[in-house]
Protein backbone atom coordinates (compact mmCIF):
# COMPACT_ATOMS: atom_id res chain seq x y z
CA UNK A 1 0.00 0.00 0.00
CA UNK A 2 1.38 3.40 -1.01
CA UNK A 3 2.19 5.64 1.93
CA UNK A 4 0.02 8.76 2.04
CA UNK A 5 1.80 12.10 2.04
CA UNK A 6 0.93 15.12 4.13
CA UNK A 7 -1.27 17.43 2.02
CA UNK A 8 1.40 20.18 2.05
CA UNK A 9 4.43 18.04 1.26
CA UNK A 10 4.52 18.31 -2.54
CA UNK A 11 3.85 22.05 -2.49
CA UNK A 12 6.63 22.52 0.06
CA UNK A 13 9.10 20.40 -1.91
CA UNK A 14 8.47 22.57 -4.97
CA UNK A 15 9.88 25.54 -3.03
CA UNK A 16 13.13 23.98 -1.76
CA UNK A 17 16.29 23.24 -3.72
CA UNK A 18 17.64 19.90 -4.85
CA UNK A 19 20.91 20.94 -3.18
CA UNK A 20 19.13 21.12 0.18
CA UNK A 21 17.43 17.77 -0.34
CA UNK A 22 20.61 15.96 -1.39
CA UNK A 23 22.32 17.28 1.75
CA UNK A 24 19.48 16.12 3.99
CA UNK A 25 19.46 12.72 2.33
CA UNK A 26 23.23 12.43 2.71
CA UNK A 27 22.83 13.00 6.45
CA UNK A 28 20.58 9.93 6.42
CA UNK A 29 23.13 7.86 4.52
CA UNK A 30 21.69 8.26 1.00
CA UNK A 31 24.50 9.08 -1.46
CA UNK A 32 22.99 8.13 -4.82
CA UNK A 33 19.81 10.15 -5.28
CA UNK A 34 20.65 12.77 -7.95
CA UNK A 35 19.67 11.78 -11.51
CA UNK A 36 22.88 11.99 -13.54
CA UNK A 37 22.56 13.66 -16.94
CA UNK A 38 19.02 15.01 -16.52
CA UNK A 39 19.00 18.76 -17.19
CA UNK A 40 16.01 21.10 -17.46
CA UNK A 41 14.84 21.99 -20.95
CA UNK A 42 14.36 25.58 -19.77
CA UNK A 43 15.40 27.54 -16.66
CA UNK A 44 13.05 28.22 -13.79
CA UNK A 45 11.19 24.92 -13.89
CA UNK A 46 10.11 23.34 -10.60
CA UNK A 47 8.85 19.82 -10.08
CA UNK A 48 7.52 17.70 -7.24
CA UNK A 49 5.49 14.58 -7.82
CA UNK A 50 5.41 10.79 -7.48
CA UNK A 51 7.33 8.69 -9.99
CA UNK A 52 5.47 6.71 -12.65
CA UNK A 53 8.16 4.70 -14.40
CA UNK A 54 8.89 3.35 -17.87
CA UNK A 55 11.84 1.07 -18.63
CA UNK A 56 13.50 0.72 -22.01
CA UNK A 57 15.85 -2.12 -22.95
CA UNK A 58 17.94 -2.17 -26.15
CA UNK A 59 15.81 -2.53 -29.27
CA UNK A 60 15.83 -5.54 -31.57
CA UNK A 61 15.28 -5.29 -35.30
CA UNK A 62 12.48 -7.88 -35.54
CA UNK A 63 10.48 -6.26 -32.71
CA UNK A 64 11.05 -2.54 -33.09
CA UNK A 65 10.21 -1.52 -36.62
CA UNK A 66 8.11 1.61 -37.12
CA UNK A 67 4.96 -0.58 -37.19
CA UNK A 68 5.46 -1.27 -33.47
CA UNK A 69 3.60 1.97 -32.72
CA UNK A 70 0.44 0.53 -34.33
CA UNK A 71 0.06 -1.77 -31.33
CA UNK A 72 -2.35 -0.09 -28.88
CA UNK A 73 -0.59 -1.98 -26.08
CA UNK A 74 2.81 -0.45 -26.86
CA UNK A 75 4.16 0.32 -23.36
CA UNK A 76 5.29 3.84 -24.19
CA UNK A 77 1.83 4.76 -25.47
CA UNK A 78 0.13 2.99 -22.56
CA UNK A 79 2.30 4.89 -20.08
CA UNK A 80 1.32 8.21 -21.63
CA UNK A 81 -2.38 7.29 -21.52
CA UNK A 82 -2.36 5.83 -18.01
CA UNK A 83 -0.01 8.06 -16.02
CA UNK A 84 -2.03 9.44 -13.08
CA UNK A 85 -2.62 13.19 -12.78
CA UNK A 86 0.14 14.80 -10.74
CA UNK A 87 2.64 11.99 -11.45
CA UNK A 88 6.04 12.29 -13.11
CA UNK A 89 6.96 10.03 -16.03
CA UNK A 90 10.47 8.78 -15.20
CA UNK A 91 12.17 6.89 -18.04
CA UNK A 92 15.10 4.50 -17.86
CA UNK A 93 17.00 4.87 -21.13
CA UNK A 94 20.28 3.43 -19.86
CA UNK A 95 21.80 6.91 -20.28
CA UNK A 96 21.54 6.64 -24.08
CA UNK A 97 20.98 10.09 -25.59
CA UNK A 98 21.48 8.99 -29.22
CA UNK A 99 17.70 8.75 -29.72
CA UNK A 100 14.62 10.31 -28.17
CA UNK A 101 12.63 8.71 -25.37
CA UNK A 102 9.54 10.83 -26.19
CA UNK A 103 8.51 13.87 -28.22
CA UNK A 104 6.25 16.88 -28.08
CA UNK A 105 3.03 15.08 -29.12
CA UNK A 106 3.30 12.59 -26.26
CA UNK A 107 4.39 15.35 -23.87
CA UNK A 108 1.44 17.49 -24.86
CA UNK A 109 -0.92 14.56 -24.28
CA UNK A 110 0.59 14.09 -20.83
CA UNK A 111 0.15 17.77 -20.01
CA UNK A 112 -3.50 17.63 -21.06
CA UNK A 113 -3.95 14.59 -18.82
CA UNK A 114 -2.49 16.46 -15.85
CA UNK A 115 0.95 14.85 -15.51
CA UNK A 116 3.41 16.81 -13.38
CA UNK A 117 6.48 16.38 -15.59
CA UNK A 118 9.00 14.24 -17.45
CA UNK A 119 12.38 12.99 -16.26
CA UNK A 120 14.60 10.89 -18.52
CA UNK A 121 18.27 9.96 -18.65
CA UNK A 122 17.89 9.79 -22.44
CA UNK A 123 16.99 12.32 -25.10
CA UNK A 124 13.81 14.19 -25.99
CA UNK A 125 12.82 15.10 -29.54
CA UNK A 126 10.96 18.28 -30.50
CA UNK A 127 12.74 19.75 -27.49
CA UNK A 128 11.71 23.33 -28.22
CA UNK A 129 8.06 22.26 -28.37
CA UNK A 130 8.31 20.44 -25.04
CA UNK A 131 10.11 23.40 -23.49
CA UNK A 132 7.19 25.62 -24.55
CA UNK A 133 4.72 23.52 -22.53
CA UNK A 134 3.69 24.40 -18.99
CA UNK A 135 4.68 20.89 -17.91
CA UNK A 136 8.39 20.79 -17.05
CA UNK A 137 10.88 18.29 -18.45
CA UNK A 138 14.43 17.15 -17.69
CA UNK A 139 16.56 15.09 -20.09
CA UNK A 140 20.15 14.36 -21.09
CA UNK A 141 19.75 16.50 -24.20
CA UNK A 142 17.73 17.04 -27.38
CA UNK A 143 17.76 14.09 -29.77
CA UNK A 144 15.78 13.81 -33.01
CA UNK A 145 15.79 10.06 -33.89
CA UNK A 146 12.82 7.96 -32.82
CA UNK A 147 13.19 5.78 -29.72
CA UNK A 148 12.59 2.58 -31.72
CA UNK A 149 16.09 2.79 -33.20
CA UNK A 150 17.70 2.10 -29.82
CA UNK A 151 14.93 1.43 -27.29
CA UNK A 152 12.36 -1.28 -26.69
CA UNK A 153 9.73 -0.09 -24.20
CA UNK A 154 9.10 -2.82 -21.67
CA UNK A 155 8.07 -2.33 -18.04
CA UNK A 156 5.55 0.23 -16.77
CA UNK A 157 5.56 1.37 -13.15
CA UNK A 158 8.21 -1.06 -11.95
CA UNK A 159 11.51 -0.22 -10.23
CA UNK A 160 14.03 1.26 -12.69
CA UNK A 161 17.44 2.86 -12.82
CA UNK A 162 17.38 6.43 -14.16
CA UNK A 163 20.65 8.30 -14.43
CA UNK A 164 22.24 5.67 -12.23
CA UNK A 165 19.67 6.16 -9.45
CA UNK A 166 17.22 3.50 -8.27
CA UNK A 167 13.71 4.89 -8.70
CA UNK A 168 10.72 3.02 -7.27
CA UNK A 169 7.13 3.83 -8.30
CA UNK A 170 5.76 6.45 -5.93
CA UNK A 171 9.15 7.89 -4.96
CA UNK A 172 8.99 11.67 -5.03
CA UNK A 173 10.85 13.37 -7.85
CA UNK A 174 11.91 16.94 -7.13
CA UNK A 175 13.43 19.11 -9.86
CA UNK A 176 14.93 22.57 -10.24
CA UNK A 177 17.61 24.29 -12.33
CA UNK A 178 20.33 22.00 -10.93
CA UNK A 179 18.54 18.78 -11.89
CA UNK A 180 16.34 16.14 -10.28
CA UNK A 181 16.58 14.32 -6.97
CA UNK A 182 14.71 11.12 -6.11
CA UNK A 183 13.32 11.27 -2.57
CA UNK A 184 12.30 7.91 -1.08
CA UNK A 185 8.59 8.29 -0.49
CA UNK A 186 8.69 7.35 3.19
CA UNK A 187 11.08 10.26 3.86
CA UNK A 188 9.24 12.93 1.87
CA UNK A 189 7.18 14.43 4.71
CA UNK A 190 10.04 14.83 7.17
CA UNK A 191 12.45 16.10 4.51
CA UNK A 192 9.96 18.74 3.43
CA UNK A 193 9.74 20.03 7.00
CA UNK A 194 13.49 19.96 7.57
CA UNK A 195 14.27 21.55 4.21
CA UNK A 196 12.25 24.67 5.04
CA UNK A 197 14.19 25.17 8.27
CA UNK A 198 17.53 24.42 6.60
CA UNK A 199 16.92 26.97 3.85
CA UNK A 200 15.81 29.59 6.38
CA UNK A 201 19.07 29.10 8.27
CA UNK A 202 21.05 29.32 5.02
CA UNK A 203 19.29 32.59 4.18
CA UNK A 204 20.59 33.91 7.51
CA UNK A 205 24.07 32.58 6.71
CA UNK A 206 24.10 34.28 3.32
CA UNK A 207 23.20 37.61 4.90
CA UNK A 208 25.96 37.16 7.47
CA UNK A 209 28.55 36.23 4.83
CA UNK A 210 27.49 39.16 2.63
CA UNK A 211 28.22 41.58 5.48
CA UNK A 212 31.67 40.12 6.04
CA UNK A 213 31.21 37.41 8.68
CA UNK A 214 33.60 34.43 8.42
CA UNK A 215 32.07 31.05 7.68
CA UNK A 216 34.16 29.51 10.47
CA UNK A 217 31.76 28.88 13.34
CA UNK A 218 28.87 30.12 11.23
CA UNK A 219 28.44 27.34 8.71
CA UNK A 220 28.11 24.86 10.33
CA UNK A 221 26.96 26.81 13.43
CA UNK A 222 29.66 25.75 15.88
CA UNK A 223 30.38 29.19 17.38
CA UNK A 224 28.58 29.70 20.73
CA UNK A 225 26.63 32.76 19.60
CA UNK A 226 25.61 31.64 16.10
CA UNK A 227 22.41 29.93 17.18
CA UNK A 228 21.30 32.82 19.39
CA UNK A 229 21.98 35.33 16.60
CA UNK A 230 20.00 33.16 14.22
CA UNK A 231 17.06 32.97 16.60
CA UNK A 232 17.10 36.73 17.00
CA UNK A 233 17.17 37.07 13.20
CA UNK A 234 14.16 34.75 12.89
CA UNK A 235 12.25 36.75 15.51
CA UNK A 236 13.07 39.99 13.70
CA UNK A 237 11.84 38.55 10.41
CA UNK A 238 8.61 37.35 12.04
CA UNK A 239 8.02 40.78 13.53
CA UNK A 240 8.37 42.33 10.09
C-alpha atoms as a PDB file:
ATOM      1  CA  UNK A   1       0.000   0.000   0.000  1.00  0.00           C
ATOM      2  CA  UNK A   2       1.381   3.398  -1.011  1.00  0.00           C
ATOM      3  CA  UNK A   3       2.194   5.642   1.928  1.00  0.00           C
ATOM      4  CA  UNK A   4       0.022   8.755   2.038  1.00  0.00           C
ATOM      5  CA  UNK A   5       1.805  12.105   2.044  1.00  0.00           C
ATOM      6  CA  UNK A   6       0.928  15.124   4.130  1.00  0.00           C
ATOM      7  CA  UNK A   7      -1.271  17.434   2.019  1.00  0.00           C
ATOM      8  CA  UNK A   8       1.397  20.177   2.053  1.00  0.00           C
ATOM      9  CA  UNK A   9       4.429  18.038   1.259  1.00  0.00           C
ATOM     10  CA  UNK A  10       4.525  18.307  -2.537  1.00  0.00           C
ATOM     11  CA  UNK A  11       3.852  22.052  -2.494  1.00  0.00           C
ATOM     12  CA  UNK A  12       6.631  22.516   0.057  1.00  0.00           C
ATOM     13  CA  UNK A  13       9.097  20.400  -1.905  1.00  0.00           C
ATOM     14  CA  UNK A  14       8.474  22.574  -4.968  1.00  0.00           C
ATOM     15  CA  UNK A  15       9.883  25.535  -3.030  1.00  0.00           C
ATOM     16  CA  UNK A  16      13.133  23.980  -1.764  1.00  0.00           C
ATOM     17  CA  UNK A  17      16.287  23.236  -3.724  1.00  0.00           C
ATOM     18  CA  UNK A  18      17.635  19.903  -4.847  1.00  0.00           C
ATOM     19  CA  UNK A  19      20.908  20.940  -3.184  1.00  0.00           C
ATOM     20  CA  UNK A  20      19.129  21.123   0.176  1.00  0.00           C
ATOM     21  CA  UNK A  21      17.433  17.770  -0.339  1.00  0.00           C
ATOM     22  CA  UNK A  22      20.612  15.961  -1.390  1.00  0.00           C
ATOM     23  CA  UNK A  23      22.320  17.279   1.754  1.00  0.00           C
ATOM     24  CA  UNK A  24      19.483  16.124   3.994  1.00  0.00           C
ATOM     25  CA  UNK A  25      19.458  12.718   2.328  1.00  0.00           C
ATOM     26  CA  UNK A  26      23.234  12.429   2.714  1.00  0.00           C
ATOM     27  CA  UNK A  27      22.826  13.001   6.448  1.00  0.00           C
ATOM     28  CA  UNK A  28      20.581   9.928   6.419  1.00  0.00           C
ATOM     29  CA  UNK A  29      23.134   7.861   4.517  1.00  0.00           C
ATOM     30  CA  UNK A  30      21.690   8.264   0.997  1.00  0.00           C
ATOM     31  CA  UNK A  31      24.498   9.084  -1.458  1.00  0.00           C
ATOM     32  CA  UNK A  32      22.992   8.132  -4.818  1.00  0.00           C
ATOM     33  CA  UNK A  33      19.812  10.152  -5.281  1.00  0.00           C
ATOM     34  CA  UNK A  34      20.646  12.769  -7.951  1.00  0.00           C
ATOM     35  CA  UNK A  35      19.673  11.777 -11.508  1.00  0.00           C
ATOM     36  CA  UNK A  36      22.876  11.990 -13.544  1.00  0.00           C
ATOM     37  CA  UNK A  37      22.561  13.663 -16.945  1.00  0.00           C
ATOM     38  CA  UNK A  38      19.024  15.012 -16.516  1.00  0.00           C
ATOM     39  CA  UNK A  39      19.002  18.758 -17.186  1.00  0.00           C
ATOM     40  CA  UNK A  40      16.014  21.104 -17.456  1.00  0.00           C
ATOM     41  CA  UNK A  41      14.842  21.991 -20.949  1.00  0.00           C
ATOM     42  CA  UNK A  42      14.362  25.581 -19.769  1.00  0.00           C
ATOM     43  CA  UNK A  43      15.398  27.542 -16.664  1.00  0.00           C
ATOM     44  CA  UNK A  44      13.050  28.222 -13.794  1.00  0.00           C
ATOM     45  CA  UNK A  45      11.191  24.918 -13.887  1.00  0.00           C
ATOM     46  CA  UNK A  46      10.113  23.338 -10.599  1.00  0.00           C
ATOM     47  CA  UNK A  47       8.849  19.822 -10.082  1.00  0.00           C
ATOM     48  CA  UNK A  48       7.523  17.701  -7.239  1.00  0.00           C
ATOM     49  CA  UNK A  49       5.487  14.578  -7.824  1.00  0.00           C
ATOM     50  CA  UNK A  50       5.413  10.787  -7.485  1.00  0.00           C
ATOM     51  CA  UNK A  51       7.331   8.687  -9.994  1.00  0.00           C
ATOM     52  CA  UNK A  52       5.474   6.705 -12.650  1.00  0.00           C
ATOM     53  CA  UNK A  53       8.160   4.699 -14.404  1.00  0.00           C
ATOM     54  CA  UNK A  54       8.891   3.354 -17.871  1.00  0.00           C
ATOM     55  CA  UNK A  55      11.838   1.069 -18.632  1.00  0.00           C
ATOM     56  CA  UNK A  56      13.504   0.722 -22.011  1.00  0.00           C
ATOM     57  CA  UNK A  57      15.852  -2.123 -22.950  1.00  0.00           C
ATOM     58  CA  UNK A  58      17.945  -2.175 -26.154  1.00  0.00           C
ATOM     59  CA  UNK A  59      15.808  -2.530 -29.266  1.00  0.00           C
ATOM     60  CA  UNK A  60      15.826  -5.536 -31.568  1.00  0.00           C
ATOM     61  CA  UNK A  61      15.277  -5.293 -35.304  1.00  0.00           C
ATOM     62  CA  UNK A  62      12.483  -7.878 -35.535  1.00  0.00           C
ATOM     63  CA  UNK A  63      10.482  -6.261 -32.710  1.00  0.00           C
ATOM     64  CA  UNK A  64      11.046  -2.542 -33.089  1.00  0.00           C
ATOM     65  CA  UNK A  65      10.209  -1.517 -36.616  1.00  0.00           C
ATOM     66  CA  UNK A  66       8.107   1.609 -37.118  1.00  0.00           C
ATOM     67  CA  UNK A  67       4.963  -0.576 -37.193  1.00  0.00           C
ATOM     68  CA  UNK A  68       5.455  -1.265 -33.470  1.00  0.00           C
ATOM     69  CA  UNK A  69       3.598   1.967 -32.724  1.00  0.00           C
ATOM     70  CA  UNK A  70       0.445   0.525 -34.333  1.00  0.00           C
ATOM     71  CA  UNK A  71       0.064  -1.771 -31.335  1.00  0.00           C
ATOM     72  CA  UNK A  72      -2.353  -0.089 -28.882  1.00  0.00           C
ATOM     73  CA  UNK A  73      -0.587  -1.980 -26.085  1.00  0.00           C
ATOM     74  CA  UNK A  74       2.809  -0.449 -26.858  1.00  0.00           C
ATOM     75  CA  UNK A  75       4.162   0.317 -23.363  1.00  0.00           C
ATOM     76  CA  UNK A  76       5.295   3.840 -24.194  1.00  0.00           C
ATOM     77  CA  UNK A  77       1.835   4.757 -25.473  1.00  0.00           C
ATOM     78  CA  UNK A  78       0.132   2.987 -22.565  1.00  0.00           C
ATOM     79  CA  UNK A  79       2.304   4.885 -20.077  1.00  0.00           C
ATOM     80  CA  UNK A  80       1.318   8.208 -21.634  1.00  0.00           C
ATOM     81  CA  UNK A  81      -2.376   7.293 -21.522  1.00  0.00           C
ATOM     82  CA  UNK A  82      -2.361   5.832 -18.006  1.00  0.00           C
ATOM     83  CA  UNK A  83      -0.010   8.062 -16.017  1.00  0.00           C
ATOM     84  CA  UNK A  84      -2.032   9.445 -13.084  1.00  0.00           C
ATOM     85  CA  UNK A  85      -2.620  13.195 -12.782  1.00  0.00           C
ATOM     86  CA  UNK A  86       0.142  14.797 -10.744  1.00  0.00           C
ATOM     87  CA  UNK A  87       2.638  11.995 -11.455  1.00  0.00           C
ATOM     88  CA  UNK A  88       6.042  12.287 -13.110  1.00  0.00           C
ATOM     89  CA  UNK A  89       6.958  10.032 -16.029  1.00  0.00           C
ATOM     90  CA  UNK A  90      10.470   8.779 -15.205  1.00  0.00           C
ATOM     91  CA  UNK A  91      12.169   6.891 -18.042  1.00  0.00           C
ATOM     92  CA  UNK A  92      15.098   4.498 -17.861  1.00  0.00           C
ATOM     93  CA  UNK A  93      16.996   4.873 -21.130  1.00  0.00           C
ATOM     94  CA  UNK A  94      20.280   3.432 -19.859  1.00  0.00           C
ATOM     95  CA  UNK A  95      21.796   6.911 -20.282  1.00  0.00           C
ATOM     96  CA  UNK A  96      21.537   6.639 -24.083  1.00  0.00           C
ATOM     97  CA  UNK A  97      20.976  10.088 -25.592  1.00  0.00           C
ATOM     98  CA  UNK A  98      21.485   8.988 -29.218  1.00  0.00           C
ATOM     99  CA  UNK A  99      17.704   8.753 -29.722  1.00  0.00           C
ATOM    100  CA  UNK A 100      14.623  10.311 -28.167  1.00  0.00           C
ATOM    101  CA  UNK A 101      12.628   8.709 -25.373  1.00  0.00           C
ATOM    102  CA  UNK A 102       9.535  10.833 -26.191  1.00  0.00           C
ATOM    103  CA  UNK A 103       8.508  13.866 -28.219  1.00  0.00           C
ATOM    104  CA  UNK A 104       6.246  16.883 -28.083  1.00  0.00           C
ATOM    105  CA  UNK A 105       3.033  15.078 -29.123  1.00  0.00           C
ATOM    106  CA  UNK A 106       3.304  12.591 -26.259  1.00  0.00           C
ATOM    107  CA  UNK A 107       4.391  15.345 -23.868  1.00  0.00           C
ATOM    108  CA  UNK A 108       1.435  17.492 -24.855  1.00  0.00           C
ATOM    109  CA  UNK A 109      -0.915  14.564 -24.280  1.00  0.00           C
ATOM    110  CA  UNK A 110       0.589  14.087 -20.833  1.00  0.00           C
ATOM    111  CA  UNK A 111       0.149  17.772 -20.007  1.00  0.00           C
ATOM    112  CA  UNK A 112      -3.498  17.630 -21.059  1.00  0.00           C
ATOM    113  CA  UNK A 113      -3.949  14.588 -18.815  1.00  0.00           C
ATOM    114  CA  UNK A 114      -2.487  16.460 -15.850  1.00  0.00           C
ATOM    115  CA  UNK A 115       0.952  14.852 -15.507  1.00  0.00           C
ATOM    116  CA  UNK A 116       3.414  16.808 -13.377  1.00  0.00           C
ATOM    117  CA  UNK A 117       6.475  16.383 -15.590  1.00  0.00           C
ATOM    118  CA  UNK A 118       8.999  14.238 -17.454  1.00  0.00           C
ATOM    119  CA  UNK A 119      12.382  12.992 -16.259  1.00  0.00           C
ATOM    120  CA  UNK A 120      14.601  10.895 -18.520  1.00  0.00           C
ATOM    121  CA  UNK A 121      18.269   9.962 -18.653  1.00  0.00           C
ATOM    122  CA  UNK A 122      17.885   9.786 -22.435  1.00  0.00           C
ATOM    123  CA  UNK A 123      16.989  12.324 -25.101  1.00  0.00           C
ATOM    124  CA  UNK A 124      13.807  14.190 -25.991  1.00  0.00           C
ATOM    125  CA  UNK A 125      12.818  15.102 -29.544  1.00  0.00           C
ATOM    126  CA  UNK A 126      10.956  18.283 -30.504  1.00  0.00           C
ATOM    127  CA  UNK A 127      12.740  19.747 -27.492  1.00  0.00           C
ATOM    128  CA  UNK A 128      11.706  23.325 -28.223  1.00  0.00           C
ATOM    129  CA  UNK A 129       8.058  22.257 -28.368  1.00  0.00           C
ATOM    130  CA  UNK A 130       8.312  20.436 -25.039  1.00  0.00           C
ATOM    131  CA  UNK A 131      10.108  23.403 -23.489  1.00  0.00           C
ATOM    132  CA  UNK A 132       7.193  25.615 -24.547  1.00  0.00           C
ATOM    133  CA  UNK A 133       4.720  23.524 -22.532  1.00  0.00           C
ATOM    134  CA  UNK A 134       3.687  24.401 -18.990  1.00  0.00           C
ATOM    135  CA  UNK A 135       4.679  20.885 -17.913  1.00  0.00           C
ATOM    136  CA  UNK A 136       8.392  20.790 -17.046  1.00  0.00           C
ATOM    137  CA  UNK A 137      10.881  18.289 -18.452  1.00  0.00           C
ATOM    138  CA  UNK A 138      14.432  17.150 -17.688  1.00  0.00           C
ATOM    139  CA  UNK A 139      16.556  15.091 -20.092  1.00  0.00           C
ATOM    140  CA  UNK A 140      20.148  14.364 -21.085  1.00  0.00           C
ATOM    141  CA  UNK A 141      19.755  16.499 -24.203  1.00  0.00           C
ATOM    142  CA  UNK A 142      17.732  17.042 -27.380  1.00  0.00           C
ATOM    143  CA  UNK A 143      17.760  14.092 -29.768  1.00  0.00           C
ATOM    144  CA  UNK A 144      15.782  13.808 -33.013  1.00  0.00           C
ATOM    145  CA  UNK A 145      15.795  10.063 -33.888  1.00  0.00           C
ATOM    146  CA  UNK A 146      12.815   7.964 -32.816  1.00  0.00           C
ATOM    147  CA  UNK A 147      13.195   5.784 -29.719  1.00  0.00           C
ATOM    148  CA  UNK A 148      12.591   2.583 -31.723  1.00  0.00           C
ATOM    149  CA  UNK A 149      16.089   2.787 -33.199  1.00  0.00           C
ATOM    150  CA  UNK A 150      17.697   2.105 -29.821  1.00  0.00           C
ATOM    151  CA  UNK A 151      14.926   1.430 -27.291  1.00  0.00           C
ATOM    152  CA  UNK A 152      12.356  -1.281 -26.687  1.00  0.00           C
ATOM    153  CA  UNK A 153       9.733  -0.087 -24.197  1.00  0.00           C
ATOM    154  CA  UNK A 154       9.097  -2.822 -21.665  1.00  0.00           C
ATOM    155  CA  UNK A 155       8.075  -2.327 -18.035  1.00  0.00           C
ATOM    156  CA  UNK A 156       5.554   0.231 -16.771  1.00  0.00           C
ATOM    157  CA  UNK A 157       5.557   1.367 -13.151  1.00  0.00           C
ATOM    158  CA  UNK A 158       8.208  -1.061 -11.953  1.00  0.00           C
ATOM    159  CA  UNK A 159      11.510  -0.217 -10.231  1.00  0.00           C
ATOM    160  CA  UNK A 160      14.028   1.258 -12.690  1.00  0.00           C
ATOM    161  CA  UNK A 161      17.435   2.862 -12.818  1.00  0.00           C
ATOM    162  CA  UNK A 162      17.381   6.434 -14.165  1.00  0.00           C
ATOM    163  CA  UNK A 163      20.649   8.297 -14.429  1.00  0.00           C
ATOM    164  CA  UNK A 164      22.245   5.675 -12.227  1.00  0.00           C
ATOM    165  CA  UNK A 165      19.674   6.162  -9.453  1.00  0.00           C
ATOM    166  CA  UNK A 166      17.219   3.504  -8.273  1.00  0.00           C
ATOM    167  CA  UNK A 167      13.709   4.885  -8.699  1.00  0.00           C
ATOM    168  CA  UNK A 168      10.722   3.022  -7.272  1.00  0.00           C
ATOM    169  CA  UNK A 169       7.134   3.833  -8.303  1.00  0.00           C
ATOM    170  CA  UNK A 170       5.762   6.448  -5.932  1.00  0.00           C
ATOM    171  CA  UNK A 171       9.151   7.893  -4.962  1.00  0.00           C
ATOM    172  CA  UNK A 172       8.994  11.672  -5.025  1.00  0.00           C
ATOM    173  CA  UNK A 173      10.854  13.369  -7.852  1.00  0.00           C
ATOM    174  CA  UNK A 174      11.913  16.943  -7.133  1.00  0.00           C
ATOM    175  CA  UNK A 175      13.434  19.107  -9.858  1.00  0.00           C
ATOM    176  CA  UNK A 176      14.930  22.574 -10.238  1.00  0.00           C
ATOM    177  CA  UNK A 177      17.613  24.291 -12.330  1.00  0.00           C
ATOM    178  CA  UNK A 178      20.329  22.001 -10.929  1.00  0.00           C
ATOM    179  CA  UNK A 179      18.540  18.782 -11.889  1.00  0.00           C
ATOM    180  CA  UNK A 180      16.341  16.141 -10.284  1.00  0.00           C
ATOM    181  CA  UNK A 181      16.584  14.319  -6.968  1.00  0.00           C
ATOM    182  CA  UNK A 182      14.708  11.124  -6.109  1.00  0.00           C
ATOM    183  CA  UNK A 183      13.323  11.274  -2.565  1.00  0.00           C
ATOM    184  CA  UNK A 184      12.297   7.907  -1.084  1.00  0.00           C
ATOM    185  CA  UNK A 185       8.587   8.287  -0.487  1.00  0.00           C
ATOM    186  CA  UNK A 186       8.690   7.348   3.195  1.00  0.00           C
ATOM    187  CA  UNK A 187      11.079  10.263   3.859  1.00  0.00           C
ATOM    188  CA  UNK A 188       9.244  12.932   1.871  1.00  0.00           C
ATOM    189  CA  UNK A 189       7.181  14.431   4.706  1.00  0.00           C
ATOM    190  CA  UNK A 190      10.039  14.828   7.166  1.00  0.00           C
ATOM    191  CA  UNK A 191      12.449  16.097   4.507  1.00  0.00           C
ATOM    192  CA  UNK A 192       9.957  18.741   3.426  1.00  0.00           C
ATOM    193  CA  UNK A 193       9.741  20.033   7.004  1.00  0.00           C
ATOM    194  CA  UNK A 194      13.485  19.963   7.565  1.00  0.00           C
ATOM    195  CA  UNK A 195      14.267  21.549   4.206  1.00  0.00           C
ATOM    196  CA  UNK A 196      12.251  24.670   5.038  1.00  0.00           C
ATOM    197  CA  UNK A 197      14.189  25.172   8.275  1.00  0.00           C
ATOM    198  CA  UNK A 198      17.527  24.420   6.600  1.00  0.00           C
ATOM    199  CA  UNK A 199      16.924  26.972   3.851  1.00  0.00           C
ATOM    200  CA  UNK A 200      15.810  29.594   6.375  1.00  0.00           C
ATOM    201  CA  UNK A 201      19.072  29.097   8.269  1.00  0.00           C
ATOM    202  CA  UNK A 202      21.051  29.319   5.023  1.00  0.00           C
ATOM    203  CA  UNK A 203      19.287  32.591   4.184  1.00  0.00           C
ATOM    204  CA  UNK A 204      20.592  33.913   7.509  1.00  0.00           C
ATOM    205  CA  UNK A 205      24.068  32.578   6.714  1.00  0.00           C
ATOM    206  CA  UNK A 206      24.099  34.275   3.322  1.00  0.00           C
ATOM    207  CA  UNK A 207      23.199  37.611   4.899  1.00  0.00           C
ATOM    208  CA  UNK A 208      25.964  37.161   7.469  1.00  0.00           C
ATOM    209  CA  UNK A 209      28.554  36.231   4.832  1.00  0.00           C
ATOM    210  CA  UNK A 210      27.494  39.160   2.632  1.00  0.00           C
ATOM    211  CA  UNK A 211      28.220  41.578   5.478  1.00  0.00           C
ATOM    212  CA  UNK A 212      31.666  40.122   6.039  1.00  0.00           C
ATOM    213  CA  UNK A 213      31.212  37.406   8.678  1.00  0.00           C
ATOM    214  CA  UNK A 214      33.599  34.430   8.424  1.00  0.00           C
ATOM    215  CA  UNK A 215      32.072  31.051   7.676  1.00  0.00           C
ATOM    216  CA  UNK A 216      34.155  29.509  10.472  1.00  0.00           C
ATOM    217  CA  UNK A 217      31.765  28.879  13.339  1.00  0.00           C
ATOM    218  CA  UNK A 218      28.873  30.116  11.230  1.00  0.00           C
ATOM    219  CA  UNK A 219      28.445  27.339   8.708  1.00  0.00           C
ATOM    220  CA  UNK A 220      28.107  24.860  10.328  1.00  0.00           C
ATOM    221  CA  UNK A 221      26.956  26.807  13.426  1.00  0.00           C
ATOM    222  CA  UNK A 222      29.663  25.750  15.878  1.00  0.00           C
ATOM    223  CA  UNK A 223      30.380  29.193  17.377  1.00  0.00           C
ATOM    224  CA  UNK A 224      28.580  29.701  20.732  1.00  0.00           C
ATOM    225  CA  UNK A 225      26.635  32.759  19.603  1.00  0.00           C
ATOM    226  CA  UNK A 226      25.612  31.637  16.100  1.00  0.00           C
ATOM    227  CA  UNK A 227      22.411  29.931  17.184  1.00  0.00           C
ATOM    228  CA  UNK A 228      21.299  32.822  19.388  1.00  0.00           C
ATOM    229  CA  UNK A 229      21.983  35.334  16.604  1.00  0.00           C
ATOM    230  CA  UNK A 230      19.996  33.159  14.216  1.00  0.00           C
ATOM    231  CA  UNK A 231      17.060  32.965  16.600  1.00  0.00           C
ATOM    232  CA  UNK A 232      17.103  36.730  17.001  1.00  0.00           C
ATOM    233  CA  UNK A 233      17.174  37.066  13.198  1.00  0.00           C
ATOM    234  CA  UNK A 234      14.164  34.751  12.891  1.00  0.00           C
ATOM    235  CA  UNK A 235      12.251  36.749  15.514  1.00  0.00           C
ATOM    236  CA  UNK A 236      13.068  39.985  13.702  1.00  0.00           C
ATOM    237  CA  UNK A 237      11.843  38.546  10.413  1.00  0.00           C
ATOM    238  CA  UNK A 238       8.608  37.349  12.038  1.00  0.00           C
ATOM    239  CA  UNK A 239       8.018  40.784  13.530  1.00  0.00           C
ATOM    240  CA  UNK A 240       8.365  42.328  10.090  1.00  0.00           C
END
